[in-house]
């Protein structure tokens, strides 16, 4: 019985996870978007949850994989990071 519940729980959580949208954006030093990761100074992973009551999250990373910044956002301007509206 425990195995069946574990299997159902795993399937349910995987189905919920696949409904979320994830974007990867690349930015130069000035905060302007670049099309190629080779020209980027950092990149942003933005998570748009399927549940509209949850916060939209982002994490910025340097090319080395070191975390640059993380937090929540209301909207991301995909052309100019200076116009992005953070939450909190």
PDB file of N, CA and C in Angstrom:
ATOM      1  N   UNK A   1       0.822  -1.192   0.000  1.00  0.00           N
ATOM      2  CA  UNK A   1       0.000   0.000   0.000  1.00  0.00           C
ATOM      3  C   UNK A   1       0.867   1.257   0.000  1.00  0.00           C
ATOM      4  N   UNK A   2       1.960   1.226   0.794  1.00  0.00           N
ATOM      5  CA  UNK A   2       2.843   2.390   0.847  1.00  0.00           C
ATOM      6  C   UNK A   2       3.479   2.651  -0.513  1.00  0.00           C
ATOM      7  N   UNK A   3       3.811   1.585  -1.226  1.00  0.00           N
ATOM      8  CA  UNK A   3       4.425   1.741  -2.543  1.00  0.00           C
ATOM      9  C   UNK A   3       3.444   2.362  -3.529  1.00  0.00           C
ATOM     10  N   UNK A   4       2.199   1.973  -3.451  1.00  0.00           N
ATOM     11  CA  UNK A   4       1.178   2.529  -4.347  1.00  0.00           C
ATOM     12  C   UNK A   4       0.989   4.013  -4.061  1.00  0.00           C
ATOM     13  N   UNK A   5       0.920   4.390  -2.798  1.00  0.00           N
ATOM     14  CA  UNK A   5       0.776   5.799  -2.443  1.00  0.00           C
ATOM     15  C   UNK A   5       1.998   6.607  -2.873  1.00  0.00           C
ATOM     16  N   UNK A   6       3.175   6.031  -2.716  1.00  0.00           N
ATOM     17  CA  UNK A   6       4.398   6.709  -3.146  1.00  0.00           C
ATOM     18  C   UNK A   6       4.401   6.904  -4.658  1.00  0.00           C
ATOM     19  N   UNK A   7       3.976   5.895  -5.393  1.00  0.00           N
ATOM     20  CA  UNK A   7       3.908   5.982  -6.847  1.00  0.00           C
ATOM     21  C   UNK A   7       2.911   7.046  -7.285  1.00  0.00           C
ATOM     22  N   UNK A   8       1.745   7.079  -6.669  1.00  0.00           N
ATOM     23  CA  UNK A   8       0.730   8.083  -7.005  1.00  0.00           C
ATOM     24  C   UNK A   8       1.229   9.480  -6.664  1.00  0.00           C
ATOM     25  N   UNK A   9       1.878   9.621  -5.546  1.00  0.00           N
ATOM     26  CA  UNK A   9       2.423  10.917  -5.140  1.00  0.00           C
ATOM     27  C   UNK A   9       3.482  11.398  -6.121  1.00  0.00           C
ATOM     28  N   UNK A  10       4.351  10.504  -6.552  1.00  0.00           N
ATOM     29  CA  UNK A  10       5.412  10.848  -7.496  1.00  0.00           C
ATOM     30  C   UNK A  10       4.830  11.265  -8.848  1.00  0.00           C
ATOM     31  N   UNK A  11       3.874  10.529  -9.331  1.00  0.00           N
ATOM     32  CA  UNK A  11       3.244  10.850 -10.615  1.00  0.00           C
ATOM     33  C   UNK A  11       2.529  12.196 -10.545  1.00  0.00           C
ATOM     34  N   UNK A  12       1.833  12.447  -9.454  1.00  0.00           N
ATOM     35  CA  UNK A  12       1.115  13.711  -9.286  1.00  0.00           C
ATOM     36  C   UNK A  12       2.070  14.888  -9.236  1.00  0.00           C
ATOM     37  N   UNK A  13       3.155  14.762  -8.491  1.00  0.00           N
ATOM     38  CA  UNK A  13       4.111  15.872  -8.393  1.00  0.00           C
ATOM     39  C   UNK A  13       4.817  16.099  -9.716  1.00  0.00           C
ATOM     40  N   UNK A  14       5.122  15.054 -10.474  1.00  0.00           N
ATOM     41  CA  UNK A  14       5.755  15.215 -11.783  1.00  0.00           C
ATOM     42  C   UNK A  14       4.808  15.882 -12.767  1.00  0.00           C
ATOM     43  N   UNK A  15       3.532  15.526 -12.715  1.00  0.00           N
ATOM     44  CA  UNK A  15       2.551  16.140 -13.606  1.00  0.00           C
ATOM     45  C   UNK A  15       2.390  17.623 -13.293  1.00  0.00           C
ATOM     46  N   UNK A  16       2.410  17.975 -12.031  1.00  0.00           N
ATOM     47  CA  UNK A  16       2.292  19.385 -11.642  1.00  0.00           C
ATOM     48  C   UNK A  16       3.534  20.157 -12.056  1.00  0.00           C
ATOM     49  N   UNK A  17       4.698  19.562 -11.958  1.00  0.00           N
ATOM     50  CA  UNK A  17       5.941  20.238 -12.311  1.00  0.00           C
ATOM     51  C   UNK A  17       6.009  20.525 -13.804  1.00  0.00           C
ATOM     52  N   UNK A  18       5.527  19.606 -14.635  1.00  0.00           N
ATOM     53  CA  UNK A  18       5.616  19.786 -16.079  1.00  0.00           C
ATOM     54  C   UNK A  18       4.700  20.895 -16.573  1.00  0.00           C
ATOM     55  N   UNK A  19       3.773  21.352 -15.772  1.00  0.00           N
ATOM     56  CA  UNK A  19       2.856  22.402 -16.176  1.00  0.00           C
ATOM     57  C   UNK A  19       3.482  23.781 -16.003  1.00  0.00           C
ATOM     58  N   UNK A  20       4.607  23.881 -15.321  1.00  0.00           N
ATOM     59  CA  UNK A  20       5.263  25.156 -15.106  1.00  0.00           C
ATOM     60  C   UNK A  20       6.105  25.516 -16.324  1.00  0.00           C
ATOM     61  N   UNK A  21       6.243  26.821 -16.570  1.00  0.00           N
ATOM     62  CA  UNK A  21       7.060  27.286 -17.677  1.00  0.00           C
ATOM     63  C   UNK A  21       8.382  27.819 -17.122  1.00  0.00           C
ATOM     64  N   UNK A  22       9.475  27.463 -17.773  1.00  0.00           N
ATOM     65  CA  UNK A  22      10.801  27.915 -17.362  1.00  0.00           C
ATOM     66  C   UNK A  22      11.453  28.600 -18.561  1.00  0.00           C
ATOM     67  N   UNK A  23      11.938  29.836 -18.348  1.00  0.00           N
ATOM     68  CA  UNK A  23      12.644  30.574 -19.393  1.00  0.00           C
ATOM     69  C   UNK A  23      14.087  30.790 -18.974  1.00  0.00           C
ATOM     70  N   UNK A  24      14.987  30.783 -19.942  1.00  0.00           N
ATOM     71  CA  UNK A  24      16.375  31.137 -19.705  1.00  0.00           C
ATOM     72  C   UNK A  24      16.695  32.339 -20.574  1.00  0.00           C
ATOM     73  N   UNK A  25      17.149  33.420 -19.929  1.00  0.00           N
ATOM     74  CA  UNK A  25      17.469  34.660 -20.621  1.00  0.00           C
ATOM     75  C   UNK A  25      18.933  34.995 -20.368  1.00  0.00           C
ATOM     76  N   UNK A  26      19.606  35.545 -21.372  1.00  0.00           N
ATOM     77  CA  UNK A  26      21.025  35.884 -21.279  1.00  0.00           C
ATOM     78  C   UNK A  26      21.179  37.404 -21.339  1.00  0.00           C
ATOM     79  N   UNK A  27      21.988  37.968 -20.424  1.00  0.00           N
ATOM     80  CA  UNK A  27      22.162  39.407 -20.325  1.00  0.00           C
ATOM     81  C   UNK A  27      23.640  39.779 -20.371  1.00  0.00           C
ATOM     82  N   UNK A  28      23.913  40.989 -20.906  1.00  0.00           N
ATOM     83  CA  UNK A  28      25.280  41.509 -20.861  1.00  0.00           C
ATOM     84  C   UNK A  28      25.465  42.321 -19.585  1.00  0.00           C
ATOM     85  N   UNK A  29      26.613  42.922 -19.424  1.00  0.00           N
ATOM     86  CA  UNK A  29      26.952  43.665 -18.210  1.00  0.00           C
ATOM     87  C   UNK A  29      26.010  44.840 -17.959  1.00  0.00           C
ATOM     88  N   UNK A  30      25.467  45.426 -19.027  1.00  0.00           N
ATOM     89  CA  UNK A  30      24.571  46.579 -18.908  1.00  0.00           C
ATOM     90  C   UNK A  30      23.135  46.181 -18.602  1.00  0.00           C
ATOM     91  N   UNK A  31      22.843  44.900 -18.569  1.00  0.00           N
ATOM     92  CA  UNK A  31      21.488  44.435 -18.290  1.00  0.00           C
ATOM     93  C   UNK A  31      20.633  44.310 -19.539  1.00  0.00           C
ATOM     94  N   UNK A  32      21.250  44.399 -20.713  1.00  0.00           N
ATOM     95  CA  UNK A  32      20.519  44.234 -21.963  1.00  0.00           C
ATOM     96  C   UNK A  32      20.614  42.787 -22.408  1.00  0.00           C
ATOM     97  N   UNK A  33      19.533  42.306 -22.984  1.00  0.00           N
ATOM     98  CA  UNK A  33      19.504  40.902 -23.387  1.00  0.00           C
ATOM     99  C   UNK A  33      20.406  40.674 -24.596  1.00  0.00           C
ATOM    100  N   UNK A  34      21.057  39.529 -24.613  1.00  0.00           N
ATOM    101  CA  UNK A  34      21.844  39.089 -25.765  1.00  0.00           C
ATOM    102  C   UNK A  34      21.292  37.743 -26.211  1.00  0.00           C
ATOM    103  N   UNK A  35      21.399  37.469 -27.495  1.00  0.00           N
ATOM    104  CA  UNK A  35      20.808  36.257 -28.050  1.00  0.00           C
ATOM    105  C   UNK A  35      21.664  35.016 -27.842  1.00  0.00           C
ATOM    106  N   UNK A  36      22.957  35.216 -27.632  1.00  0.00           N
ATOM    107  CA  UNK A  36      23.880  34.100 -27.556  1.00  0.00           C
ATOM    108  C   UNK A  36      24.527  34.053 -26.170  1.00  0.00           C
ATOM    109  N   UNK A  37      24.598  32.886 -25.600  1.00  0.00           N
ATOM    110  CA  UNK A  37      25.176  32.725 -24.265  1.00  0.00           C
ATOM    111  C   UNK A  37      26.664  33.097 -24.239  1.00  0.00           C
ATOM    112  N   UNK A  38      27.332  33.029 -25.371  1.00  0.00           N
ATOM    113  CA  UNK A  38      28.755  33.366 -25.418  1.00  0.00           C
ATOM    114  C   UNK A  38      29.010  34.842 -25.122  1.00  0.00           C
ATOM    115  N   UNK A  39      28.054  35.702 -25.423  1.00  0.00           N
ATOM    116  CA  UNK A  39      28.215  37.136 -25.220  1.00  0.00           C
ATOM    117  C   UNK A  39      27.598  37.614 -23.903  1.00  0.00           C
ATOM    118  N   UNK A  40      27.070  36.717 -23.114  1.00  0.00           N
ATOM    119  CA  UNK A  40      26.379  37.082 -21.877  1.00  0.00           C
ATOM    120  C   UNK A  40      27.349  37.137 -20.699  1.00  0.00           C
ATOM    121  N   UNK A  41      27.079  38.064 -19.782  1.00  0.00           N
ATOM    122  CA  UNK A  41      27.835  38.133 -18.531  1.00  0.00           C
ATOM    123  C   UNK A  41      27.151  37.321 -17.438  1.00  0.00           C
ATOM    124  N   UNK A  42      25.836  37.152 -17.565  1.00  0.00           N
ATOM    125  CA  UNK A  42      25.091  36.306 -16.644  1.00  0.00           C
ATOM    126  C   UNK A  42      23.831  35.824 -17.341  1.00  0.00           C
ATOM    127  N   UNK A  43      23.213  34.804 -16.767  1.00  0.00           N
ATOM    128  CA  UNK A  43      21.953  34.321 -17.313  1.00  0.00           C
ATOM    129  C   UNK A  43      20.931  34.187 -16.201  1.00  0.00           C
ATOM    130  N   UNK A  44      19.669  34.269 -16.593  1.00  0.00           N
ATOM    131  CA  UNK A  44      18.551  34.215 -15.645  1.00  0.00           C
ATOM    132  C   UNK A  44      17.662  33.037 -15.981  1.00  0.00           C
ATOM    133  N   UNK A  45      17.303  32.294 -14.955  1.00  0.00           N
ATOM    134  CA  UNK A  45      16.301  31.242 -15.082  1.00  0.00           C
ATOM    135  C   UNK A  45      15.051  31.753 -14.387  1.00  0.00           C
ATOM    136  N   UNK A  46      13.977  31.888 -15.154  1.00  0.00           N
ATOM    137  CA  UNK A  46      12.715  32.404 -14.621  1.00  0.00           C
ATOM    138  C   UNK A  46      11.691  31.279 -14.602  1.00  0.00           C
ATOM    139  N   UNK A  47      11.027  31.100 -13.475  1.00  0.00           N
ATOM    140  CA  UNK A  47      10.035  30.051 -13.293  1.00  0.00           C
ATOM    141  C   UNK A  47       8.660  30.684 -13.187  1.00  0.00           C
ATOM    142  N   UNK A  48       7.791  30.334 -14.115  1.00  0.00           N
ATOM    143  CA  UNK A  48       6.398  30.783 -14.115  1.00  0.00           C
ATOM    144  C   UNK A  48       5.540  29.610 -13.661  1.00  0.00           C
ATOM    145  N   UNK A  49       5.064  29.603 -12.407  1.00  0.00           N
ATOM    146  CA  UNK A  49       4.303  28.455 -11.905  1.00  0.00           C
ATOM    147  C   UNK A  49       2.928  28.345 -12.564  1.00  0.00           C
ATOM    148  N   UNK A  50       2.450  27.128 -12.666  1.00  0.00           N
ATOM    149  CA  UNK A  50       1.122  26.885 -13.234  1.00  0.00           C
ATOM    150  C   UNK A  50       0.042  27.442 -12.311  1.00  0.00           C
ATOM    151  N   UNK A  51       0.287  27.412 -11.021  1.00  0.00           N
ATOM    152  CA  UNK A  51      -0.651  27.940 -10.032  1.00  0.00           C
ATOM    153  C   UNK A  51      -0.443  29.449  -9.927  1.00  0.00           C
ATOM    154  N   UNK A  52      -1.422  30.232 -10.329  1.00  0.00           N
ATOM    155  CA  UNK A  52      -1.274  31.687 -10.378  1.00  0.00           C
ATOM    156  C   UNK A  52      -1.162  32.328  -8.999  1.00  0.00           C
ATOM    157  N   UNK A  53      -1.432  31.584  -7.926  1.00  0.00           N
ATOM    158  CA  UNK A  53      -1.311  32.152  -6.584  1.00  0.00           C
ATOM    159  C   UNK A  53       0.124  32.098  -6.068  1.00  0.00           C
ATOM    160  N   UNK A  54       0.970  31.297  -6.701  1.00  0.00           N
ATOM    161  CA  UNK A  54       2.367  31.203  -6.279  1.00  0.00           C
ATOM    162  C   UNK A  54       3.181  32.327  -6.899  1.00  0.00           C
ATOM    163  N   UNK A  55       4.274  32.691  -6.245  1.00  0.00           N
ATOM    164  CA  UNK A  55       5.168  33.733  -6.740  1.00  0.00           C
ATOM    165  C   UNK A  55       5.966  33.230  -7.941  1.00  0.00           C
ATOM    166  N   UNK A  56       6.252  34.146  -8.863  1.00  0.00           N
ATOM    167  CA  UNK A  56       7.151  33.844  -9.973  1.00  0.00           C
ATOM    168  C   UNK A  56       8.578  34.061  -9.467  1.00  0.00           C
ATOM    169  N   UNK A  57       9.426  33.073  -9.651  1.00  0.00           N
ATOM    170  CA  UNK A  57      10.787  33.111  -9.106  1.00  0.00           C
ATOM    171  C   UNK A  57      11.815  33.274 -10.216  1.00  0.00           C
ATOM    172  N   UNK A  58      12.973  33.833  -9.835  1.00  0.00           N
ATOM    173  CA  UNK A  58      14.090  33.892 -10.761  1.00  0.00           C
ATOM    174  C   UNK A  58      15.390  33.645 -10.009  1.00  0.00           C
ATOM    175  N   UNK A  59      16.378  33.176 -10.751  1.00  0.00           N
ATOM    176  CA  UNK A  59      17.735  33.016 -10.233  1.00  0.00           C
ATOM    177  C   UNK A  59      18.682  33.435 -11.342  1.00  0.00           C
ATOM    178  N   UNK A  60      19.639  34.298 -10.992  1.00  0.00           N
ATOM    179  CA  UNK A  60      20.677  34.733 -11.912  1.00  0.00           C
ATOM    180  C   UNK A  60      21.965  34.013 -11.563  1.00  0.00           C
ATOM    181  N   UNK A  61      22.673  33.579 -12.584  1.00  0.00           N
ATOM    182  CA  UNK A  61      23.930  32.862 -12.400  1.00  0.00           C
ATOM    183  C   UNK A  61      25.008  33.451 -13.294  1.00  0.00           C
ATOM    184  N   UNK A  62      26.245  33.457 -12.785  1.00  0.00           N
ATOM    185  CA  UNK A  62      27.398  33.747 -13.628  1.00  0.00           C
ATOM    186  C   UNK A  62      27.712  32.493 -14.433  1.00  0.00           C
ATOM    187  N   UNK A  63      28.562  32.626 -15.458  1.00  0.00           N
ATOM    188  CA  UNK A  63      28.931  31.460 -16.273  1.00  0.00           C
ATOM    189  C   UNK A  63      29.585  30.361 -15.451  1.00  0.00           C
ATOM    190  N   UNK A  64      30.225  30.735 -14.367  1.00  0.00           N
ATOM    191  CA  UNK A  64      30.883  29.742 -13.510  1.00  0.00           C
ATOM    192  C   UNK A  64      29.884  28.877 -12.746  1.00  0.00           C
ATOM    193  N   UNK A  65      28.599  29.293 -12.764  1.00  0.00           N
ATOM    194  CA  UNK A  65      27.577  28.577 -12.013  1.00  0.00           C
ATOM    195  C   UNK A  65      27.307  29.192 -10.662  1.00  0.00           C
ATOM    196  N   UNK A  66      28.099  30.209 -10.292  1.00  0.00           N
ATOM    197  CA  UNK A  66      27.914  30.898  -9.013  1.00  0.00           C
ATOM    198  C   UNK A  66      26.634  31.737  -9.058  1.00  0.00           C
ATOM    199  N   UNK A  67      25.863  31.661  -7.982  1.00  0.00           N
ATOM    200  CA  UNK A  67      24.619  32.415  -7.884  1.00  0.00           C
ATOM    201  C   UNK A  67      24.913  33.908  -7.805  1.00  0.00           C
ATOM    202  N   UNK A  68      24.279  34.684  -8.660  1.00  0.00           N
ATOM    203  CA  UNK A  68      24.454  36.138  -8.696  1.00  0.00           C
ATOM    204  C   UNK A  68      23.371  36.827  -7.892  1.00  0.00           C
ATOM    205  N   UNK A  69      22.117  36.410  -8.108  1.00  0.00           N
ATOM    206  CA  UNK A  69      20.967  37.027  -7.448  1.00  0.00           C
ATOM    207  C   UNK A  69      19.790  36.070  -7.563  1.00  0.00           C
ATOM    208  N   UNK A  70      18.876  36.136  -6.598  1.00  0.00           N
ATOM    209  CA  UNK A  70      17.647  35.347  -6.674  1.00  0.00           C
ATOM    210  C   UNK A  70      16.530  36.113  -6.008  1.00  0.00           C
ATOM    211  N   UNK A  71      15.304  35.794  -6.388  1.00  0.00           N
ATOM    212  CA  UNK A  71      14.167  36.468  -5.793  1.00  0.00           C
ATOM    213  C   UNK A  71      12.888  36.184  -6.555  1.00  0.00           C
ATOM    214  N   UNK A  72      11.930  37.071  -6.380  1.00  0.00           N
ATOM    215  CA  UNK A  72      10.625  36.954  -7.016  1.00  0.00           C
ATOM    216  C   UNK A  72      10.411  38.150  -7.932  1.00  0.00           C
ATOM    217  N   UNK A  73       9.559  37.981  -8.926  1.00  0.00           N
ATOM    218  CA  UNK A  73       9.292  39.076  -9.841  1.00  0.00           C
ATOM    219  C   UNK A  73       7.814  39.147 -10.195  1.00  0.00           C
ATOM    220  N   UNK A  74       7.390  40.355 -10.591  1.00  0.00           N
ATOM    221  CA  UNK A  74       6.044  40.554 -11.115  1.00  0.00           C
ATOM    222  C   UNK A  74       6.061  40.433 -12.629  1.00  0.00           C
ATOM    223  N   UNK A  75       7.076  41.053 -13.258  1.00  0.00           N
ATOM    224  CA  UNK A  75       7.241  40.931 -14.701  1.00  0.00           C
ATOM    225  C   UNK A  75       8.714  41.074 -15.049  1.00  0.00           C
ATOM    226  N   UNK A  76       9.101  40.398 -16.122  1.00  0.00           N
ATOM    227  CA  UNK A  76      10.471  40.476 -16.615  1.00  0.00           C
ATOM    228  C   UNK A  76      10.426  41.105 -17.993  1.00  0.00           C
ATOM    229  N   UNK A  77      11.203  42.160 -18.176  1.00  0.00           N
ATOM    230  CA  UNK A  77      11.363  42.766 -19.493  1.00  0.00           C
ATOM    231  C   UNK A  77      12.479  41.993 -20.185  1.00  0.00           C
ATOM    232  N   UNK A  78      12.131  41.245 -21.200  1.00  0.00           N
ATOM    233  CA  UNK A  78      13.106  40.372 -21.842  1.00  0.00           C
ATOM    234  C   UNK A  78      14.095  41.130 -22.722  1.00  0.00           C
ATOM    235  N   UNK A  79      13.902  42.441 -22.901  1.00  0.00           N
ATOM    236  CA  UNK A  79      14.848  43.232 -23.680  1.00  0.00           C
ATOM    237  C   UNK A  79      15.798  44.048 -22.811  1.00  0.00           C
ATOM    238  N   UNK A  80      15.303  44.531 -21.680  1.00  0.00           N
ATOM    239  CA  UNK A  80      16.109  45.397 -20.813  1.00  0.00           C
ATOM    240  C   UNK A  80      15.839  45.029 -19.358  1.00  0.00           C
ATOM    241  N   UNK A  81      16.837  44.470 -18.685  1.00  0.00           N
ATOM    242  CA  UNK A  81      16.674  44.019 -17.303  1.00  0.00           C
ATOM    243  C   UNK A  81      16.383  45.180 -16.352  1.00  0.00           C
ATOM    244  N   UNK A  82      16.780  46.384 -16.707  1.00  0.00           N
ATOM    245  CA  UNK A  82      16.521  47.544 -15.854  1.00  0.00           C
ATOM    246  C   UNK A  82      15.037  47.862 -15.760  1.00  0.00           C
ATOM    247  N   UNK A  83      14.224  47.329 -16.659  1.00  0.00           N
ATOM    248  CA  UNK A  83      12.776  47.556 -16.632  1.00  0.00           C
ATOM    249  C   UNK A  83      12.006  46.394 -15.988  1.00  0.00           C
ATOM    250  N   UNK A  84      12.724  45.407 -15.495  1.00  0.00           N
ATOM    251  CA  UNK A  84      12.110  44.279 -14.802  1.00  0.00           C
ATOM    252  C   UNK A  84      11.548  44.745 -13.459  1.00  0.00           C
ATOM    253  N   UNK A  85      10.343  44.275 -13.104  1.00  0.00           N
ATOM    254  CA  UNK A  85       9.702  44.653 -11.844  1.00  0.00           C
ATOM    255  C   UNK A  85       9.822  43.476 -10.875  1.00  0.00           C
ATOM    256  N   UNK A  86      10.614  43.696  -9.809  1.00  0.00           N
ATOM    257  CA  UNK A  86      10.820  42.671  -8.783  1.00  0.00           C
ATOM    258  C   UNK A  86       9.728  42.747  -7.739  1.00  0.00           C
ATOM    259  N   UNK A  87       9.532  41.657  -7.022  1.00  0.00           N
ATOM    260  CA  UNK A  87       8.510  41.569  -5.980  1.00  0.00           C
ATOM    261  C   UNK A  87       9.197  41.281  -4.657  1.00  0.00           C
ATOM    262  N   UNK A  88       9.130  42.252  -3.742  1.00  0.00           N
ATOM    263  CA  UNK A  88       9.695  42.052  -2.429  1.00  0.00           C
ATOM    264  C   UNK A  88      11.094  42.545  -2.262  1.00  0.00           C
TER     265      UNK A  88
END
